[in-house]
Amino acid sequence: MKTIEILSKRNDGLTLVKGRRVKKGWALFLLVSMFVLPLSAQPNWDKADIKAIMKRVADWQIANPQKGAEHDDLDWTHAVLYMGMVDWAELTERTDGDSSYYKWLMKIGRRNHFQMGRWMYHADFIAVGQTFIDLYKKYNDTNIIAPVMARANWVVDHPTNATLELDYSKRETLSRWSWCDALFMAPPVYAKLYSMTLDKKYLDFLNKEYRASYDYLYDKEEKLFYRDCRYFKQKEANGKKVFWGRGNGWVLGGLAEILQALPKDEVSRAFYKDLFVELATRVAELQCPDGYWHASLLDPASYPSPETSSTGLITYALAYGVNEGFLNKEQFMPVIEKAWKALTDAVEADGKLGYVQPIGADPRKVTRDMTEVYGVGGFLLAGCQLYKMAK
């Protein structure tokens, strides 16, 4: 933190500041700008610049849709994109009167009758419900919200007793939040439904299942989440435990969504806030010198390439935490500034976001040419939070 030294005060209304005479008002200004508001906490961003690059990224993605396996309209990959697009749509409509992004989202919803994905209990297939809830709040059309509530009600009223020991050969182990990505996909749905209805069944289900996943997957020594039980005993090349960058980004982003949804006076909200601060603080320590979080948090040297899906999600969460006052601005702003520069450096002139690790469950190699819709979702979520703190 930069400080100034008041050397002496004089009767003529002048104050000596590091050997220079300045008027009393200017001395106070210097104190405020250099001590109370340290330079490291002042983002040097322009709102127009942030919007311009977000528009480029959003428009490129809309013009270049991804198809094939795991890119169905209702799949988790697109659900994450839609979440970023909802925030972007709200921003552009509010500031520019541009409703085209809302229209794009509604077109997707209508052609799928606002349904959920194909597996009843699987977290990935209710993730799209987060966007549909937001669209319902805007348009107040029960046709938008009814399928989300039908799916959530079935799961809450018929809870599964499946184990949290993930085994992809046994579909029932995917019926609970047995992998850390799921903590981004499903919990915010139940948090949003509770905030809308104040029906305790959604909150009770959220708290019970989230706590179970936390107790099972969170390493309380490293203060990081394992991706799933298969990584409990695995080691990286440097002998460290395996903690996936995007996996912990999923958790942080999901916590940000939960905290935005739950009422401020909800007692159980304290658990999510405390976990958010603890995880955010730990992850911020693991940022690489290039501004990115790499595929492996504890062995970045084995995965030296930038990785923008983890970086986007983490930047979103950290910026949200600073905006809400959960995270210390002076401490976290340098981290956020480096991360945003890194993210924007990964955007091509045409708006394509590169360095997105492909679909997977663990640290993997990534190149600048690689992109994915969920990476764009994280980028837009982050950008909208940074817009709030920009000049």
Protein backbone atom coordinates (compact mmCIF):
# COMPACT_ATOMS: atom_id res chain seq x y z
CA MET A 1 0.00 0.00 0.00
CA LYS A 2 1.32 3.49 -0.86
CA THR A 3 1.33 6.01 2.00
CA ILE A 4 2.29 9.66 2.32
CA GLU A 5 4.20 11.21 5.16
CA ILE A 6 2.93 14.41 6.74
CA LEU A 7 6.12 16.10 7.88
CA SER A 8 4.71 19.24 9.44
CA LYS A 9 1.71 21.53 9.56
CA ARG A 10 2.00 25.30 9.41
CA ASN A 11 -0.14 28.16 10.64
CA ASP A 12 -0.44 29.59 7.12
CA GLY A 13 -2.68 26.73 6.02
CA LEU A 14 0.08 24.89 4.16
CA THR A 15 1.21 21.37 4.96
CA LEU A 16 4.62 19.90 4.18
CA VAL A 17 4.19 16.57 2.38
CA LYS A 18 7.48 14.81 1.74
CA GLY A 19 9.22 18.13 1.66
CA ARG A 20 6.68 19.92 -0.57
CA ARG A 21 4.27 22.61 0.50
CA VAL A 22 0.66 21.91 -0.46
CA LYS A 23 -2.61 23.50 0.57
CA LYS A 24 -4.62 21.84 3.28
CA GLY A 25 -7.29 20.58 0.86
CA TRP A 26 -4.73 19.00 -1.44
CA ALA A 27 -3.03 17.30 1.47
CA LEU A 28 -6.36 15.72 2.37
CA PHE A 29 -6.87 14.69 -1.26
CA LEU A 30 -3.44 13.04 -1.35
CA LEU A 31 -4.20 11.21 1.86
CA VAL A 32 -7.48 9.89 0.49
CA SER A 33 -6.19 8.93 -2.95
CA MET A 34 -2.90 7.40 -1.86
CA PHE A 35 -3.70 5.89 1.53
CA VAL A 36 -7.40 5.30 1.94
CA LEU A 37 -7.79 4.33 -1.73
CA PRO A 38 -4.45 2.70 -2.68
CA LEU A 39 -3.47 2.81 -6.33
CA SER A 40 -3.50 -0.99 -6.55
CA ALA A 41 -7.23 -0.95 -5.80
CA GLN A 42 -8.14 1.41 -8.65
CA PRO A 43 -9.08 -0.47 -11.84
CA ASN A 44 -7.91 1.34 -14.95
CA TRP A 45 -10.73 0.08 -17.14
CA ASP A 46 -13.13 1.90 -19.39
CA LYS A 47 -16.73 0.69 -19.53
CA ALA A 48 -16.89 1.17 -23.29
CA ASP A 49 -13.77 -0.97 -23.81
CA ILE A 50 -15.18 -3.77 -21.68
CA LYS A 51 -18.47 -3.72 -23.54
CA ALA A 52 -16.74 -3.67 -26.91
CA ILE A 53 -14.73 -6.82 -26.30
CA MET A 54 -17.67 -8.61 -24.69
CA LYS A 55 -19.80 -7.81 -27.72
CA ARG A 56 -17.11 -9.14 -30.04
CA VAL A 57 -16.91 -12.41 -28.09
CA ALA A 58 -20.69 -12.81 -27.74
CA ASP A 59 -21.35 -12.06 -31.42
CA TRP A 60 -18.64 -14.44 -32.61
CA GLN A 61 -20.12 -17.25 -30.53
CA ILE A 62 -23.65 -16.66 -31.80
CA ALA A 63 -22.37 -16.62 -35.38
CA ASN A 64 -20.31 -19.80 -34.82
CA PRO A 65 -22.55 -22.25 -32.93
CA GLN A 66 -21.02 -25.51 -31.74
CA LYS A 67 -22.76 -28.75 -32.60
CA GLY A 68 -22.29 -32.43 -31.88
CA ALA A 69 -21.96 -34.51 -28.74
CA GLU A 70 -22.61 -32.56 -25.54
CA HIS A 71 -23.65 -29.47 -27.48
CA ASP A 72 -27.39 -29.96 -27.47
CA ASP A 73 -29.36 -26.78 -26.73
CA LEU A 74 -30.22 -28.12 -23.27
CA ASP A 75 -26.81 -29.53 -22.36
CA TRP A 76 -24.60 -28.13 -19.61
CA THR A 77 -22.13 -26.69 -22.12
CA HIS A 78 -24.73 -24.35 -23.53
CA ALA A 79 -26.32 -23.76 -20.12
CA VAL A 80 -23.12 -22.04 -19.00
CA LEU A 81 -23.06 -19.96 -22.19
CA TYR A 82 -26.65 -18.87 -21.60
CA MET A 83 -25.84 -17.75 -18.06
CA GLY A 84 -23.19 -15.41 -19.38
CA MET A 85 -25.51 -14.29 -22.17
CA VAL A 86 -28.30 -13.44 -19.69
CA ASP A 87 -26.01 -11.07 -17.81
CA TRP A 88 -24.81 -9.62 -21.13
CA ALA A 89 -28.39 -9.26 -22.39
CA GLU A 90 -29.40 -7.39 -19.23
CA LEU A 91 -26.41 -5.06 -19.57
CA THR A 92 -26.94 -4.24 -23.24
CA GLU A 93 -30.68 -3.70 -22.86
CA ARG A 94 -30.18 -1.44 -19.85
CA THR A 95 -27.38 0.64 -21.34
CA ASP A 96 -28.14 0.57 -25.08
CA GLY A 97 -31.78 -0.47 -25.35
CA ASP A 98 -30.58 -3.53 -27.29
CA SER A 99 -32.90 -6.50 -26.66
CA SER A 100 -31.43 -8.72 -29.40
CA TYR A 101 -29.60 -11.00 -26.95
CA TYR A 102 -32.74 -11.58 -24.92
CA LYS A 103 -34.52 -12.44 -28.18
CA TRP A 104 -31.77 -14.93 -29.02
CA LEU A 105 -32.17 -16.62 -25.64
CA MET A 106 -35.96 -16.71 -25.92
CA LYS A 107 -35.75 -18.25 -29.39
CA ILE A 108 -33.68 -21.11 -27.97
CA GLY A 109 -36.08 -21.56 -25.08
CA ARG A 110 -39.17 -21.61 -27.27
CA ARG A 111 -37.82 -24.12 -29.76
CA ASN A 112 -37.14 -26.46 -26.83
CA HIS A 113 -40.40 -25.61 -25.01
CA PHE A 114 -38.24 -24.52 -22.05
CA GLN A 115 -37.65 -28.15 -21.12
CA MET A 116 -34.80 -29.56 -19.06
CA GLY A 117 -32.20 -32.05 -20.29
CA ARG A 118 -32.84 -35.74 -20.69
CA TRP A 119 -31.65 -37.26 -17.37
CA MET A 120 -33.94 -36.70 -14.40
CA TYR A 121 -31.41 -36.42 -11.55
CA HIS A 122 -28.21 -35.47 -13.40
CA ALA A 123 -27.02 -31.97 -12.43
CA ASP A 124 -25.85 -31.19 -15.96
CA PHE A 125 -29.39 -31.47 -17.31
CA ILE A 126 -31.04 -29.02 -14.93
CA ALA A 127 -28.32 -26.37 -15.36
CA VAL A 128 -30.26 -24.70 -18.18
CA GLY A 129 -32.99 -24.04 -15.63
CA GLN A 130 -30.92 -21.18 -14.19
CA THR A 131 -31.36 -19.21 -17.42
CA PHE A 132 -35.03 -20.10 -17.76
CA ILE A 133 -35.68 -18.85 -14.23
CA ASP A 134 -34.02 -15.54 -15.11
CA LEU A 135 -36.09 -15.27 -18.29
CA TYR A 136 -39.25 -16.00 -16.33
CA LYS A 137 -38.43 -13.17 -13.93
CA LYS A 138 -38.13 -10.81 -16.88
CA TYR A 139 -41.16 -11.91 -18.92
CA ASN A 140 -43.44 -13.33 -16.18
CA ASP A 141 -44.58 -16.18 -18.43
CA THR A 142 -45.41 -19.37 -16.51
CA ASN A 143 -44.66 -21.45 -19.63
CA ILE A 144 -40.99 -20.60 -19.07
CA ILE A 145 -40.82 -21.64 -15.43
CA ALA A 146 -43.18 -24.65 -15.36
CA PRO A 147 -40.74 -27.27 -16.74
CA VAL A 148 -37.97 -26.15 -14.36
CA MET A 149 -40.25 -26.46 -11.36
CA ALA A 150 -41.58 -29.81 -12.53
CA ARG A 151 -38.05 -31.22 -12.73
CA ALA A 152 -36.93 -29.71 -9.44
CA ASN A 153 -40.08 -30.83 -7.63
CA TRP A 154 -39.65 -34.40 -8.81
CA VAL A 155 -36.05 -34.55 -7.63
CA VAL A 156 -36.84 -32.95 -4.25
CA ASP A 157 -39.90 -35.14 -3.66
CA HIS A 158 -38.12 -38.36 -4.75
CA PRO A 159 -34.55 -38.01 -3.42
CA THR A 160 -32.08 -40.64 -4.45
CA ASN A 161 -29.93 -42.61 -2.03
CA ALA A 162 -27.12 -43.02 -4.54
CA THR A 163 -23.53 -42.96 -3.37
CA LEU A 164 -21.18 -40.04 -3.92
CA GLU A 165 -18.50 -42.46 -5.13
CA LEU A 166 -18.52 -41.52 -8.81
CA ASP A 167 -18.33 -44.41 -11.26
CA TYR A 168 -19.15 -43.56 -14.87
CA SER A 169 -20.07 -47.16 -15.55
CA LYS A 170 -22.94 -46.80 -13.08
CA ARG A 171 -25.39 -44.07 -14.07
CA GLU A 172 -26.92 -43.90 -10.58
CA THR A 173 -23.69 -42.38 -9.21
CA LEU A 174 -24.43 -39.35 -11.41
CA SER A 175 -27.74 -38.84 -9.63
CA ARG A 176 -26.12 -36.76 -6.90
CA TRP A 177 -23.58 -33.93 -6.92
CA SER A 178 -20.68 -36.37 -6.84
CA TRP A 179 -18.28 -34.27 -8.96
CA CYS A 180 -17.35 -30.66 -8.29
CA ASP A 181 -18.65 -29.32 -11.65
CA ALA A 182 -22.14 -30.24 -10.46
CA LEU A 183 -21.89 -27.55 -7.79
CA PHE A 184 -22.13 -24.95 -10.54
CA MET A 185 -24.81 -26.72 -12.56
CA ALA A 186 -27.58 -27.61 -10.10
CA PRO A 187 -27.44 -25.82 -6.70
CA PRO A 188 -28.20 -22.31 -8.07
CA VAL A 189 -31.45 -23.66 -9.53
CA TYR A 190 -32.71 -24.62 -6.08
CA ALA A 191 -31.42 -21.38 -4.56
CA LYS A 192 -33.30 -19.34 -7.18
CA LEU A 193 -36.48 -21.36 -6.75
CA TYR A 194 -36.33 -20.83 -3.01
CA SER A 195 -35.84 -17.09 -3.40
CA MET A 196 -38.87 -16.96 -5.72
CA THR A 197 -41.25 -19.13 -3.72
CA LEU A 198 -39.81 -19.15 -0.16
CA ASP A 199 -40.73 -22.84 -0.17
CA LYS A 200 -38.33 -24.44 2.32
CA LYS A 201 -38.20 -27.72 0.46
CA TYR A 202 -35.90 -26.19 -2.15
CA LEU A 203 -33.62 -24.68 0.49
CA ASP A 204 -33.51 -27.86 2.57
CA PHE A 205 -32.61 -29.94 -0.48
CA LEU A 206 -29.93 -27.45 -1.52
CA ASN A 207 -28.33 -27.35 1.93
CA LYS A 208 -28.41 -31.11 2.47
CA GLU A 209 -26.95 -32.08 -0.89
CA TYR A 210 -24.40 -29.29 -1.02
CA ARG A 211 -23.10 -30.11 2.45
CA ALA A 212 -22.76 -33.76 1.47
CA SER A 213 -20.69 -32.85 -1.59
CA TYR A 214 -18.61 -30.39 0.41
CA ASP A 215 -17.84 -32.92 3.12
CA TYR A 216 -16.86 -35.49 0.51
CA LEU A 217 -14.90 -33.48 -2.08
CA TYR A 218 -13.35 -30.56 -0.17
CA ASP A 219 -9.77 -30.96 1.01
CA LYS A 220 -9.74 -28.89 4.19
CA GLU A 221 -5.92 -28.79 4.30
CA GLU A 222 -5.40 -27.53 0.75
CA LYS A 223 -8.72 -25.64 0.80
CA LEU A 224 -9.53 -26.87 -2.69
CA PHE A 225 -12.08 -29.22 -4.23
CA TYR A 226 -11.22 -32.55 -5.80
CA ARG A 227 -12.98 -33.11 -9.09
CA ASP A 228 -14.36 -36.44 -7.82
CA CYS A 229 -13.33 -39.42 -5.70
CA ARG A 230 -11.09 -40.88 -8.41
CA TYR A 231 -8.54 -38.14 -7.69
CA PHE A 232 -8.29 -38.55 -3.92
CA LYS A 233 -5.01 -40.48 -4.15
CA GLN A 234 -3.68 -39.34 -7.49
CA LYS A 235 -0.58 -37.13 -7.75
CA GLU A 236 0.73 -34.72 -10.34
CA ALA A 237 4.20 -35.03 -11.87
CA ASN A 238 5.61 -32.82 -9.12
CA GLY A 239 4.10 -35.02 -6.41
CA LYS A 240 1.30 -32.59 -5.53
CA LYS A 241 -2.36 -33.50 -5.26
CA VAL A 242 -4.53 -33.18 -8.36
CA PHE A 243 -6.78 -30.12 -8.19
CA TRP A 244 -8.29 -29.12 -11.50
CA GLY A 245 -8.36 -25.43 -12.34
CA ARG A 246 -11.73 -25.38 -14.06
CA GLY A 247 -13.21 -27.68 -11.44
CA ASN A 248 -12.49 -25.18 -8.69
CA GLY A 249 -13.65 -22.42 -11.01
CA TRP A 250 -16.97 -24.25 -11.32
CA VAL A 251 -17.36 -24.29 -7.55
CA LEU A 252 -16.47 -20.62 -7.10
CA GLY A 253 -18.79 -19.55 -9.90
CA GLY A 254 -21.60 -21.66 -8.48
CA LEU A 255 -21.13 -20.11 -5.05
CA ALA A 256 -21.38 -16.64 -6.59
CA GLU A 257 -24.69 -17.66 -8.19
CA ILE A 258 -26.03 -19.11 -4.94
CA LEU A 259 -25.10 -15.99 -2.97
CA GLN A 260 -26.81 -13.76 -5.51
CA ALA A 261 -29.96 -15.87 -5.28
CA LEU A 262 -30.42 -16.52 -1.56
CA PRO A 263 -32.14 -13.82 0.50
CA LYS A 264 -29.68 -11.72 2.51
CA ASP A 265 -31.34 -12.70 5.80
CA GLU A 266 -31.28 -16.46 5.13
CA VAL A 267 -29.28 -18.05 7.97
CA SER A 268 -27.77 -20.85 5.88
CA ARG A 269 -26.32 -18.25 3.50
CA ALA A 270 -23.44 -17.78 5.95
CA PHE A 271 -22.04 -21.22 5.10
CA TYR A 272 -21.86 -20.40 1.40
CA LYS A 273 -20.35 -16.97 2.03
CA ASP A 274 -17.65 -18.36 4.34
CA LEU A 275 -16.78 -21.11 1.87
CA PHE A 276 -16.72 -18.61 -0.98
CA VAL A 277 -14.26 -16.34 0.84
CA GLU A 278 -12.03 -19.24 1.90
CA LEU A 279 -11.92 -20.82 -1.55
CA ALA A 280 -11.50 -17.48 -3.34
CA THR A 281 -8.59 -16.55 -1.09
CA ARG A 282 -6.85 -19.87 -1.71
CA VAL A 283 -7.40 -19.84 -5.47
CA ALA A 284 -6.17 -16.25 -5.77
CA GLU A 285 -2.86 -17.37 -4.29
CA LEU A 286 -2.48 -19.87 -7.13
CA GLN A 287 -2.71 -17.44 -10.04
CA CYS A 288 0.22 -17.90 -12.40
CA PRO A 289 2.54 -15.00 -13.32
CA ASP A 290 0.92 -14.77 -16.77
CA GLY A 291 -2.41 -13.90 -15.13
CA TYR A 292 -4.13 -17.21 -15.91
CA TRP A 293 -5.04 -20.16 -13.76
CA HIS A 294 -3.68 -23.19 -15.53
CA ALA A 295 -5.31 -26.60 -15.91
CA SER A 296 -3.63 -27.93 -12.76
CA LEU A 297 -3.65 -25.59 -9.79
CA LEU A 298 -0.74 -27.19 -7.89
CA ASP A 299 1.37 -28.25 -10.88
CA PRO A 300 1.05 -25.49 -13.48
CA ALA A 301 4.49 -26.32 -14.86
CA SER A 302 3.13 -29.57 -16.28
CA TYR A 303 0.39 -27.59 -18.06
CA PRO A 304 2.16 -24.37 -19.09
CA SER A 305 -0.46 -23.17 -21.58
CA PRO A 306 -3.02 -20.53 -20.56
CA GLU A 307 -6.52 -21.82 -19.77
CA THR A 308 -9.43 -19.42 -20.14
CA SER A 309 -12.40 -21.43 -18.91
CA SER A 310 -10.95 -21.69 -15.40
CA THR A 311 -9.66 -18.12 -15.57
CA GLY A 312 -13.03 -16.75 -16.70
CA LEU A 313 -14.99 -18.47 -13.97
CA ILE A 314 -12.51 -17.53 -11.25
CA THR A 315 -12.31 -13.92 -12.43
CA TYR A 316 -16.11 -13.74 -12.39
CA ALA A 317 -16.24 -14.99 -8.81
CA LEU A 318 -13.44 -12.75 -7.52
CA ALA A 319 -14.91 -9.66 -9.18
CA TYR A 320 -18.34 -10.47 -7.77
CA GLY A 321 -16.80 -10.90 -4.32
CA VAL A 322 -15.12 -7.50 -4.50
CA ASN A 323 -18.28 -5.81 -5.80
CA GLU A 324 -20.28 -7.27 -2.93
CA GLY A 325 -17.68 -6.40 -0.30
CA PHE A 326 -16.96 -10.05 0.56
CA LEU A 327 -13.36 -9.81 -0.64
CA ASN A 328 -10.83 -7.11 0.22
CA LYS A 329 -10.51 -4.76 -2.73
CA GLU A 330 -6.86 -3.87 -2.17
CA GLN A 331 -5.89 -7.53 -1.92
CA PHE A 332 -7.88 -8.89 -4.85
CA MET A 333 -7.89 -6.10 -7.44
CA PRO A 334 -4.32 -6.78 -8.66
CA VAL A 335 -5.31 -10.44 -9.17
CA ILE A 336 -8.46 -9.47 -11.07
CA GLU A 337 -6.64 -6.94 -13.25
CA LYS A 338 -4.00 -9.46 -14.28
CA ALA A 339 -6.69 -12.04 -14.99
CA TRP A 340 -8.79 -9.72 -17.16
CA LYS A 341 -5.75 -8.72 -19.20
CA ALA A 342 -4.95 -12.40 -19.67
CA LEU A 343 -8.50 -13.17 -20.77
CA THR A 344 -8.64 -10.33 -23.27
CA ASP A 345 -5.24 -11.35 -24.65
CA ALA A 346 -6.81 -14.71 -25.53
CA VAL A 347 -9.48 -13.07 -27.75
CA GLU A 348 -8.79 -13.02 -31.48
CA ALA A 349 -9.56 -9.99 -33.65
CA ASP A 350 -12.80 -11.62 -34.83
CA GLY A 351 -13.97 -12.34 -31.25
CA LYS A 352 -13.03 -16.00 -30.93
CA LEU A 353 -11.96 -16.87 -27.37
CA GLY A 354 -9.00 -19.25 -27.34
CA TYR A 355 -7.17 -21.45 -24.84
CA VAL A 356 -10.36 -23.14 -23.61
CA GLN A 357 -9.66 -26.62 -22.28
CA PRO A 358 -12.01 -29.08 -24.01
CA ILE A 359 -14.69 -31.10 -22.26
CA GLY A 360 -13.14 -33.34 -19.63
CA ALA A 361 -12.76 -34.07 -15.95
CA ASP A 362 -9.10 -33.37 -15.23
CA PRO A 363 -6.14 -31.17 -16.20
CA ARG A 364 -5.35 -31.47 -19.91
CA LYS A 365 -3.25 -29.76 -22.55
CA VAL A 366 -4.79 -26.77 -24.31
CA THR A 367 -3.83 -24.58 -27.28
CA ARG A 368 -4.82 -21.11 -28.43
CA ASP A 369 -6.90 -22.60 -31.23
CA MET A 370 -9.24 -24.41 -28.79
CA THR A 371 -12.56 -22.82 -27.87
CA GLU A 372 -15.81 -23.90 -26.22
CA VAL A 373 -19.17 -22.32 -25.48
CA TYR A 374 -18.76 -22.63 -21.71
CA GLY A 375 -15.52 -20.65 -21.92
CA VAL A 376 -17.45 -17.82 -23.54
CA GLY A 377 -20.07 -18.05 -20.79
CA GLY A 378 -17.42 -17.59 -18.13
CA PHE A 379 -15.86 -14.70 -20.05
CA LEU A 380 -19.18 -12.85 -20.25
CA LEU A 381 -19.97 -13.46 -16.58
CA ALA A 382 -16.59 -12.00 -15.66
CA GLY A 383 -16.91 -9.06 -18.01
CA CYS A 384 -20.28 -8.01 -16.62
CA GLN A 385 -18.87 -7.92 -13.09
CA LEU A 386 -15.86 -5.90 -14.24
CA TYR A 387 -18.16 -3.46 -16.01
CA LYS A 388 -19.69 -2.68 -12.61
CA MET A 389 -16.35 -1.63 -11.16
CA ALA A 390 -15.00 0.21 -14.23
CA LYS A 391 -14.86 3.98 -14.68
